[in-house]
Amino acid sequence: LSNALPIGAHAETTIQETAAAHDLPKQAQAIDSLPAAIQGRISESGEVDYYAIRVQAGETWTFETICSDALDAAISLYKPGGSWFDPDRPKRIAFTDEPVSYPNLTTEASLRYRFETAGEYYVRVNGFWGHGGPGQEYTLRIHKGDPAKPEKPSRWAERSWTREVN
């Protein structure tokens, strides 16, 4: 006997988070094969994980996390750029800002972005409020196009009060 355990299935190449430090953009773990599903963990408070990807101009990519119950993940996109004060500081171009409220309580983050210019970009994953610790794992799915649309239930589902408003 055990508790329920979710099993995720996806078509993307699975990549393990590296043990080497990748908490700064210049140390970002390179993801050479896209689409991908990256298995990672936020093991302490304040930890962030950076991943470097290369995209072509005009491509639209979706970034989604599937998290353990303990982690409320956030996703941010950066491009290299620098500033007067720090030439290594990238510029944030997009981030998740999802409300955590009833009845749509979810800790999953999703971000869709259309890249205007080709080049290298950074994807950052962290705990939304900077939280981290044991058991705070995530899968970061990076795939082209729109996020998968959930199937609409054919009839009322217990404890689900969402409906489409026309």
N, C-alpha and C. Protein backbone atom coordinates (compact mmCIF):
# COMPACT_ATOMS: atom_id res chain seq x y z
N LEU A 1 0.84 -1.18 0.00
CA LEU A 1 0.00 0.00 0.00
C LEU A 1 0.88 1.24 0.00
N SER A 2 0.40 2.24 -0.70
CA SER A 2 1.13 3.50 -0.73
C SER A 2 0.17 4.63 -1.05
N ASN A 3 0.66 5.83 -0.94
CA ASN A 3 -0.13 6.99 -1.36
C ASN A 3 -0.14 7.04 -2.87
N ALA A 4 -1.06 7.82 -3.41
CA ALA A 4 -1.12 8.00 -4.86
C ALA A 4 0.17 8.64 -5.34
N LEU A 5 0.65 8.21 -6.47
CA LEU A 5 1.88 8.73 -7.05
C LEU A 5 1.63 9.06 -8.51
N PRO A 6 1.75 10.35 -8.89
CA PRO A 6 1.52 10.70 -10.29
C PRO A 6 2.67 10.22 -11.17
N ILE A 7 2.33 9.78 -12.35
CA ILE A 7 3.33 9.38 -13.34
C ILE A 7 3.12 10.24 -14.56
N GLY A 8 4.14 11.00 -14.92
CA GLY A 8 4.05 11.89 -16.07
C GLY A 8 4.58 11.23 -17.33
N ALA A 9 3.89 11.44 -18.42
CA ALA A 9 4.35 10.94 -19.72
C ALA A 9 4.43 12.12 -20.68
N HIS A 10 5.54 12.20 -21.40
CA HIS A 10 5.72 13.29 -22.35
C HIS A 10 6.59 12.80 -23.49
N ALA A 11 6.55 13.53 -24.59
CA ALA A 11 7.31 13.13 -25.77
C ALA A 11 8.71 13.75 -25.81
N GLU A 12 8.99 14.70 -24.93
CA GLU A 12 10.27 15.40 -24.97
C GLU A 12 11.41 14.55 -24.42
N THR A 13 12.63 14.87 -24.84
CA THR A 13 13.83 14.26 -24.31
C THR A 13 13.95 14.65 -22.84
N THR A 14 14.22 13.67 -21.96
CA THR A 14 14.36 13.96 -20.53
C THR A 14 15.82 14.22 -20.20
N ILE A 15 16.06 15.33 -19.48
CA ILE A 15 17.41 15.75 -19.10
C ILE A 15 17.43 15.95 -17.59
N GLN A 16 18.44 15.43 -16.93
CA GLN A 16 18.60 15.63 -15.49
C GLN A 16 19.32 16.95 -15.23
N GLU A 17 18.89 17.64 -14.20
CA GLU A 17 19.59 18.84 -13.75
C GLU A 17 21.02 18.45 -13.38
N THR A 18 21.98 19.24 -13.80
CA THR A 18 23.38 18.95 -13.51
C THR A 18 23.70 19.21 -12.04
N ALA A 19 24.69 18.51 -11.52
CA ALA A 19 25.13 18.73 -10.14
C ALA A 19 26.00 19.99 -10.04
N ALA A 20 26.57 20.43 -11.17
CA ALA A 20 27.40 21.64 -11.18
C ALA A 20 26.51 22.86 -10.92
N ALA A 21 27.10 23.88 -10.30
CA ALA A 21 26.36 25.10 -10.01
C ALA A 21 25.83 25.72 -11.29
N HIS A 22 24.55 26.09 -11.29
CA HIS A 22 23.95 26.80 -12.42
C HIS A 22 22.92 27.80 -11.89
N ASP A 23 23.35 28.52 -10.83
CA ASP A 23 22.48 29.50 -10.21
C ASP A 23 22.76 30.93 -10.68
N LEU A 24 23.63 31.07 -11.66
CA LEU A 24 23.90 32.36 -12.30
C LEU A 24 23.78 32.18 -13.81
N PRO A 25 23.37 33.22 -14.53
CA PRO A 25 23.23 33.07 -15.99
C PRO A 25 24.52 32.61 -16.68
N LYS A 26 25.68 33.09 -16.23
CA LYS A 26 26.93 32.68 -16.89
C LYS A 26 27.28 31.22 -16.60
N GLN A 27 26.61 30.59 -15.61
CA GLN A 27 26.82 29.17 -15.29
C GLN A 27 25.66 28.31 -15.78
N ALA A 28 24.75 28.88 -16.56
CA ALA A 28 23.53 28.19 -16.97
C ALA A 28 23.82 26.84 -17.61
N GLN A 29 23.02 25.85 -17.27
CA GLN A 29 23.14 24.52 -17.87
C GLN A 29 22.63 24.61 -19.30
N ALA A 30 23.47 24.25 -20.25
CA ALA A 30 23.09 24.31 -21.67
C ALA A 30 22.14 23.17 -22.01
N ILE A 31 21.03 23.51 -22.65
CA ILE A 31 20.07 22.53 -23.13
C ILE A 31 20.18 22.56 -24.65
N ASP A 32 20.86 21.57 -25.20
CA ASP A 32 21.16 21.54 -26.63
C ASP A 32 20.08 20.89 -27.47
N SER A 33 19.23 20.11 -26.84
CA SER A 33 18.21 19.38 -27.58
C SER A 33 16.84 19.84 -27.15
N LEU A 34 16.16 20.59 -28.02
CA LEU A 34 14.80 21.04 -27.75
C LEU A 34 13.86 20.37 -28.74
N PRO A 35 12.67 20.01 -28.34
CA PRO A 35 12.05 20.18 -27.04
C PRO A 35 12.68 19.28 -25.99
N ALA A 36 12.45 19.63 -24.71
CA ALA A 36 13.07 18.88 -23.62
C ALA A 36 12.20 18.93 -22.37
N ALA A 37 12.43 17.98 -21.48
CA ALA A 37 11.82 17.97 -20.15
C ALA A 37 12.97 17.83 -19.16
N ILE A 38 13.18 18.85 -18.36
CA ILE A 38 14.31 18.89 -17.45
C ILE A 38 13.83 18.56 -16.04
N GLN A 39 14.46 17.56 -15.44
CA GLN A 39 14.14 17.16 -14.07
C GLN A 39 15.06 17.92 -13.13
N GLY A 40 14.48 18.75 -12.26
CA GLY A 40 15.29 19.55 -11.35
C GLY A 40 14.72 19.60 -9.96
N ARG A 41 15.43 20.35 -9.10
CA ARG A 41 15.01 20.45 -7.70
C ARG A 41 15.48 21.79 -7.15
N ILE A 42 14.64 22.38 -6.30
CA ILE A 42 14.99 23.59 -5.57
C ILE A 42 15.18 23.13 -4.12
N SER A 43 16.41 22.79 -3.77
CA SER A 43 16.67 22.11 -2.51
C SER A 43 16.90 23.02 -1.31
N GLU A 44 17.01 24.33 -1.53
CA GLU A 44 17.16 25.24 -0.39
C GLU A 44 16.54 26.59 -0.71
N SER A 45 16.19 27.33 0.32
CA SER A 45 15.57 28.64 0.14
C SER A 45 16.49 29.57 -0.65
N GLY A 46 15.90 30.30 -1.58
CA GLY A 46 16.66 31.24 -2.38
C GLY A 46 17.35 30.65 -3.59
N GLU A 47 17.29 29.34 -3.77
CA GLU A 47 17.95 28.70 -4.91
C GLU A 47 17.22 29.01 -6.21
N VAL A 48 17.99 29.22 -7.25
CA VAL A 48 17.46 29.39 -8.60
C VAL A 48 18.25 28.49 -9.54
N ASP A 49 17.62 28.04 -10.60
CA ASP A 49 18.28 27.22 -11.62
C ASP A 49 18.15 27.92 -12.96
N TYR A 50 19.29 28.09 -13.65
CA TYR A 50 19.30 28.70 -14.98
C TYR A 50 19.61 27.64 -16.02
N TYR A 51 18.91 27.75 -17.16
CA TYR A 51 19.14 26.88 -18.31
C TYR A 51 19.30 27.77 -19.53
N ALA A 52 20.28 27.43 -20.38
CA ALA A 52 20.53 28.20 -21.60
C ALA A 52 19.94 27.45 -22.78
N ILE A 53 19.17 28.18 -23.60
CA ILE A 53 18.59 27.59 -24.81
C ILE A 53 18.91 28.47 -26.01
N ARG A 54 18.87 27.88 -27.19
CA ARG A 54 19.05 28.63 -28.43
C ARG A 54 17.78 28.51 -29.24
N VAL A 55 17.30 29.66 -29.74
CA VAL A 55 16.07 29.68 -30.52
C VAL A 55 16.28 30.45 -31.82
N GLN A 56 15.36 30.25 -32.75
CA GLN A 56 15.36 30.97 -34.02
C GLN A 56 14.35 32.11 -33.95
N ALA A 57 14.55 33.13 -34.77
CA ALA A 57 13.63 34.26 -34.81
C ALA A 57 12.24 33.79 -35.25
N GLY A 58 11.23 34.32 -34.59
CA GLY A 58 9.85 34.01 -34.94
C GLY A 58 9.29 32.75 -34.30
N GLU A 59 10.10 31.98 -33.57
CA GLU A 59 9.61 30.77 -32.94
C GLU A 59 8.83 31.10 -31.66
N THR A 60 7.80 30.31 -31.40
CA THR A 60 7.03 30.41 -30.17
C THR A 60 7.29 29.15 -29.36
N TRP A 61 7.70 29.34 -28.11
CA TRP A 61 7.99 28.22 -27.22
C TRP A 61 7.13 28.35 -25.97
N THR A 62 6.77 27.20 -25.41
CA THR A 62 6.03 27.16 -24.16
C THR A 62 6.91 26.52 -23.09
N PHE A 63 6.92 27.11 -21.92
CA PHE A 63 7.69 26.65 -20.77
C PHE A 63 6.69 26.33 -19.67
N GLU A 64 6.68 25.09 -19.20
CA GLU A 64 5.72 24.66 -18.18
C GLU A 64 6.43 23.88 -17.10
N THR A 65 5.99 24.06 -15.86
CA THR A 65 6.52 23.23 -14.78
C THR A 65 5.44 22.28 -14.30
N ILE A 66 5.88 21.10 -13.94
CA ILE A 66 5.07 20.13 -13.22
C ILE A 66 5.83 19.92 -11.92
N CYS A 67 5.20 20.28 -10.80
CA CYS A 67 5.93 20.35 -9.53
C CYS A 67 5.41 19.36 -8.50
N SER A 68 6.28 19.05 -7.55
CA SER A 68 5.84 18.32 -6.36
C SER A 68 4.92 19.26 -5.58
N ASP A 69 4.13 18.70 -4.69
CA ASP A 69 3.18 19.51 -3.92
C ASP A 69 3.86 20.60 -3.10
N ALA A 70 5.10 20.38 -2.71
CA ALA A 70 5.79 21.33 -1.84
C ALA A 70 6.30 22.57 -2.58
N LEU A 71 6.40 22.53 -3.90
CA LEU A 71 7.01 23.64 -4.65
C LEU A 71 5.98 24.42 -5.44
N ASP A 72 6.00 25.73 -5.28
CA ASP A 72 5.22 26.65 -6.10
C ASP A 72 6.24 27.33 -7.01
N ALA A 73 6.38 26.85 -8.22
CA ALA A 73 7.46 27.30 -9.11
C ALA A 73 7.12 28.58 -9.85
N ALA A 74 8.17 29.30 -10.22
CA ALA A 74 8.07 30.48 -11.08
C ALA A 74 9.07 30.30 -12.22
N ILE A 75 8.70 30.80 -13.39
CA ILE A 75 9.56 30.73 -14.57
C ILE A 75 9.81 32.15 -15.06
N SER A 76 11.07 32.45 -15.41
CA SER A 76 11.43 33.74 -16.00
C SER A 76 12.30 33.51 -17.21
N LEU A 77 12.19 34.39 -18.21
CA LEU A 77 13.04 34.35 -19.40
C LEU A 77 13.93 35.58 -19.42
N TYR A 78 15.18 35.36 -19.80
CA TYR A 78 16.16 36.45 -19.87
C TYR A 78 16.91 36.38 -21.18
N LYS A 79 17.39 37.55 -21.62
CA LYS A 79 18.30 37.58 -22.76
C LYS A 79 19.59 38.25 -22.31
N PRO A 80 20.72 37.82 -22.87
CA PRO A 80 21.99 38.47 -22.50
C PRO A 80 21.92 39.95 -22.84
N GLY A 81 22.55 40.76 -22.04
CA GLY A 81 22.48 42.18 -22.33
C GLY A 81 23.46 43.00 -21.53
N GLY A 82 23.39 42.90 -20.24
CA GLY A 82 24.29 43.67 -19.39
C GLY A 82 23.77 45.06 -19.12
N SER A 83 24.45 45.75 -18.22
CA SER A 83 24.13 47.13 -17.87
C SER A 83 25.43 47.84 -17.50
N TRP A 84 25.33 49.09 -17.22
CA TRP A 84 26.51 49.84 -16.80
C TRP A 84 27.12 49.24 -15.55
N PHE A 85 26.29 48.78 -14.65
CA PHE A 85 26.76 48.31 -13.35
C PHE A 85 27.25 46.87 -13.37
N ASP A 86 26.67 46.06 -14.26
CA ASP A 86 27.02 44.65 -14.30
C ASP A 86 26.90 44.13 -15.73
N PRO A 87 28.04 43.96 -16.41
CA PRO A 87 27.98 43.51 -17.81
C PRO A 87 27.47 42.08 -17.97
N ASP A 88 27.43 41.29 -16.88
CA ASP A 88 26.94 39.91 -16.96
C ASP A 88 25.46 39.79 -16.61
N ARG A 89 24.84 40.88 -16.21
CA ARG A 89 23.43 40.81 -15.80
C ARG A 89 22.52 40.77 -17.04
N PRO A 90 21.74 39.69 -17.17
CA PRO A 90 20.84 39.61 -18.32
C PRO A 90 19.59 40.46 -18.10
N LYS A 91 18.84 40.69 -19.18
CA LYS A 91 17.61 41.47 -19.10
C LYS A 91 16.42 40.53 -19.07
N ARG A 92 15.56 40.72 -18.08
CA ARG A 92 14.36 39.88 -17.99
C ARG A 92 13.38 40.33 -19.06
N ILE A 93 12.86 39.37 -19.83
CA ILE A 93 11.92 39.70 -20.91
C ILE A 93 10.53 39.14 -20.66
N ALA A 94 10.39 38.16 -19.78
CA ALA A 94 9.07 37.60 -19.47
C ALA A 94 9.15 36.81 -18.17
N PHE A 95 8.02 36.70 -17.48
CA PHE A 95 7.98 35.91 -16.25
C PHE A 95 6.55 35.48 -15.97
N THR A 96 6.40 34.47 -15.13
CA THR A 96 5.07 34.03 -14.72
C THR A 96 4.64 34.86 -13.54
N ASP A 97 3.39 35.18 -13.51
CA ASP A 97 2.80 35.93 -12.41
C ASP A 97 1.39 35.39 -12.22
N GLU A 98 1.33 34.17 -11.70
CA GLU A 98 0.06 33.48 -11.62
C GLU A 98 -0.50 33.58 -10.21
N PRO A 99 -1.77 33.95 -10.10
CA PRO A 99 -2.37 34.02 -8.77
C PRO A 99 -2.57 32.63 -8.19
N VAL A 100 -2.40 32.52 -6.91
CA VAL A 100 -2.67 31.27 -6.21
C VAL A 100 -3.90 31.57 -5.35
N SER A 101 -5.08 31.31 -5.89
CA SER A 101 -6.31 31.62 -5.19
C SER A 101 -7.37 30.57 -5.47
N TYR A 102 -8.31 30.47 -4.58
CA TYR A 102 -9.40 29.52 -4.72
C TYR A 102 -10.34 30.01 -5.80
N PRO A 103 -10.91 29.26 -6.70
CA PRO A 103 -10.85 27.81 -6.77
C PRO A 103 -9.75 27.30 -7.69
N ASN A 104 -8.93 28.17 -8.24
CA ASN A 104 -7.91 27.76 -9.20
C ASN A 104 -6.57 27.56 -8.54
N LEU A 105 -6.54 26.88 -7.42
CA LEU A 105 -5.31 26.65 -6.67
C LEU A 105 -4.41 25.71 -7.45
N THR A 106 -3.29 26.24 -7.91
CA THR A 106 -2.32 25.42 -8.65
C THR A 106 -0.92 25.93 -8.36
N THR A 107 0.03 25.04 -8.37
CA THR A 107 1.42 25.45 -8.18
C THR A 107 2.20 25.28 -9.48
N GLU A 108 1.50 25.00 -10.56
CA GLU A 108 2.16 24.83 -11.86
C GLU A 108 2.33 26.20 -12.51
N ALA A 109 3.45 26.40 -13.17
CA ALA A 109 3.71 27.65 -13.87
C ALA A 109 3.75 27.37 -15.37
N SER A 110 3.26 28.32 -16.14
CA SER A 110 3.26 28.17 -17.60
C SER A 110 3.55 29.52 -18.23
N LEU A 111 4.41 29.52 -19.22
CA LEU A 111 4.80 30.75 -19.90
C LEU A 111 4.96 30.46 -21.38
N ARG A 112 4.31 31.23 -22.21
CA ARG A 112 4.42 31.10 -23.67
C ARG A 112 5.07 32.38 -24.18
N TYR A 113 6.07 32.23 -25.07
CA TYR A 113 6.79 33.41 -25.54
C TYR A 113 7.18 33.26 -27.00
N ARG A 114 6.98 34.34 -27.77
CA ARG A 114 7.41 34.38 -29.17
C ARG A 114 8.70 35.20 -29.23
N PHE A 115 9.77 34.56 -29.71
CA PHE A 115 11.08 35.20 -29.77
C PHE A 115 11.22 35.97 -31.08
N GLU A 116 11.45 37.27 -30.97
CA GLU A 116 11.60 38.13 -32.16
C GLU A 116 12.95 37.95 -32.83
N THR A 117 13.99 37.69 -32.02
CA THR A 117 15.34 37.54 -32.58
C THR A 117 15.93 36.19 -32.19
N ALA A 118 16.76 35.68 -33.08
CA ALA A 118 17.44 34.40 -32.82
C ALA A 118 18.57 34.61 -31.82
N GLY A 119 18.94 33.56 -31.12
CA GLY A 119 20.08 33.65 -30.23
C GLY A 119 19.91 32.81 -28.99
N GLU A 120 20.80 33.07 -28.01
CA GLU A 120 20.77 32.35 -26.75
C GLU A 120 19.93 33.13 -25.75
N TYR A 121 19.13 32.40 -24.99
CA TYR A 121 18.29 32.96 -23.94
C TYR A 121 18.45 32.08 -22.70
N TYR A 122 18.05 32.65 -21.56
CA TYR A 122 18.13 31.92 -20.30
C TYR A 122 16.72 31.71 -19.74
N VAL A 123 16.48 30.51 -19.24
CA VAL A 123 15.24 30.18 -18.55
C VAL A 123 15.61 29.98 -17.08
N ARG A 124 14.90 30.68 -16.19
CA ARG A 124 15.16 30.55 -14.76
C ARG A 124 13.95 29.91 -14.08
N VAL A 125 14.22 28.93 -13.23
CA VAL A 125 13.19 28.31 -12.40
C VAL A 125 13.56 28.54 -10.95
N ASN A 126 12.58 28.94 -10.15
CA ASN A 126 12.80 29.15 -8.72
C ASN A 126 11.48 28.97 -7.99
N GLY A 127 11.54 28.90 -6.66
CA GLY A 127 10.33 28.91 -5.86
C GLY A 127 9.71 30.28 -5.94
N PHE A 128 8.40 30.37 -6.12
CA PHE A 128 7.74 31.66 -6.34
C PHE A 128 8.05 32.67 -5.25
N TRP A 129 8.03 32.28 -4.01
CA TRP A 129 8.34 33.18 -2.91
C TRP A 129 9.77 32.97 -2.39
N GLY A 130 10.60 32.33 -3.18
CA GLY A 130 11.98 32.07 -2.78
C GLY A 130 12.12 30.84 -1.90
N HIS A 131 11.04 30.09 -1.77
CA HIS A 131 11.08 28.89 -0.93
C HIS A 131 11.83 27.76 -1.62
N GLY A 132 12.34 26.87 -0.85
CA GLY A 132 13.03 25.69 -1.34
C GLY A 132 13.27 24.75 -0.18
N GLY A 133 13.59 23.51 -0.48
CA GLY A 133 13.85 22.55 0.59
C GLY A 133 13.68 21.13 0.11
N PRO A 134 13.76 20.18 1.02
CA PRO A 134 13.63 18.77 0.65
C PRO A 134 12.30 18.49 -0.03
N GLY A 135 12.32 17.67 -1.05
CA GLY A 135 11.10 17.26 -1.73
C GLY A 135 10.51 18.29 -2.67
N GLN A 136 11.25 19.34 -2.99
CA GLN A 136 10.73 20.38 -3.88
C GLN A 136 11.33 20.19 -5.28
N GLU A 137 10.72 19.26 -6.01
CA GLU A 137 11.19 18.90 -7.35
C GLU A 137 10.27 19.45 -8.41
N TYR A 138 10.81 19.57 -9.62
CA TYR A 138 10.02 20.04 -10.75
C TYR A 138 10.47 19.35 -12.04
N THR A 139 9.59 19.36 -12.99
CA THR A 139 9.93 19.01 -14.37
C THR A 139 9.63 20.26 -15.18
N LEU A 140 10.63 20.79 -15.86
CA LEU A 140 10.46 21.94 -16.73
C LEU A 140 10.31 21.42 -18.15
N ARG A 141 9.11 21.55 -18.72
CA ARG A 141 8.87 21.12 -20.10
C ARG A 141 9.04 22.33 -21.00
N ILE A 142 9.86 22.17 -22.03
CA ILE A 142 10.07 23.22 -23.03
C ILE A 142 9.66 22.62 -24.37
N HIS A 143 8.63 23.18 -24.97
CA HIS A 143 8.17 22.66 -26.26
C HIS A 143 7.63 23.79 -27.13
N LYS A 144 7.61 23.56 -28.43
CA LYS A 144 7.14 24.57 -29.38
C LYS A 144 5.63 24.70 -29.32
N GLY A 145 5.17 25.91 -29.61
CA GLY A 145 3.74 26.14 -29.76
C GLY A 145 3.02 26.44 -28.47
N ASP A 146 1.70 26.31 -28.55
CA ASP A 146 0.82 26.63 -27.44
C ASP A 146 0.86 25.56 -26.36
N PRO A 147 0.55 25.95 -25.11
CA PRO A 147 0.45 24.93 -24.07
C PRO A 147 -0.70 23.98 -24.36
N ALA A 148 -0.58 22.78 -23.85
CA ALA A 148 -1.64 21.79 -24.05
C ALA A 148 -2.91 22.28 -23.37
N LYS A 149 -4.00 22.20 -24.07
CA LYS A 149 -5.29 22.60 -23.53
C LYS A 149 -5.90 21.42 -22.78
N PRO A 150 -6.33 21.63 -21.53
CA PRO A 150 -6.96 20.52 -20.82
C PRO A 150 -8.29 20.17 -21.47
N GLU A 151 -8.61 18.90 -21.42
CA GLU A 151 -9.89 18.47 -21.97
C GLU A 151 -11.01 18.99 -21.10
N LYS A 152 -12.10 19.41 -21.76
CA LYS A 152 -13.27 19.86 -21.01
C LYS A 152 -14.03 18.64 -20.53
N PRO A 153 -14.42 18.64 -19.25
CA PRO A 153 -15.18 17.49 -18.77
C PRO A 153 -16.53 17.42 -19.44
N SER A 154 -17.00 16.21 -19.69
CA SER A 154 -18.28 16.04 -20.36
C SER A 154 -19.44 16.29 -19.40
N ARG A 155 -19.20 16.19 -18.12
CA ARG A 155 -20.24 16.46 -17.13
C ARG A 155 -19.57 17.03 -15.88
N TRP A 156 -20.38 17.43 -14.93
CA TRP A 156 -19.88 18.03 -13.71
C TRP A 156 -18.94 17.07 -12.99
N ALA A 157 -17.80 17.59 -12.52
CA ALA A 157 -16.82 16.78 -11.79
C ALA A 157 -16.81 17.24 -10.33
N GLU A 158 -16.73 16.30 -9.43
CA GLU A 158 -16.73 16.63 -8.01
C GLU A 158 -15.59 17.58 -7.67
N ARG A 159 -15.90 18.58 -6.85
CA ARG A 159 -14.94 19.57 -6.37
C ARG A 159 -14.33 20.43 -7.47
N SER A 160 -15.00 20.53 -8.58
CA SER A 160 -14.53 21.38 -9.67
C SER A 160 -15.65 22.35 -10.02
N TRP A 161 -15.41 23.65 -9.78
CA TRP A 161 -16.47 24.61 -10.02
C TRP A 161 -16.09 25.59 -11.13
N THR A 162 -15.22 25.16 -12.03
CA THR A 162 -14.84 26.04 -13.13
C THR A 162 -15.82 25.84 -14.26
N ARG A 163 -16.10 26.92 -14.97
CA ARG A 163 -16.96 26.83 -16.14
C ARG A 163 -16.58 27.93 -17.11
N GLU A 164 -16.91 27.72 -18.35
CA GLU A 164 -16.62 28.71 -19.38
C GLU A 164 -17.69 29.79 -19.35
N VAL A 165 -17.29 31.05 -19.36
CA VAL A 165 -18.23 32.16 -19.37
C VAL A 165 -18.25 32.73 -20.77
N ASN A 166 -19.42 32.73 -21.38
CA ASN A 166 -19.58 33.27 -22.75
C ASN A 166 -20.08 34.69 -22.72
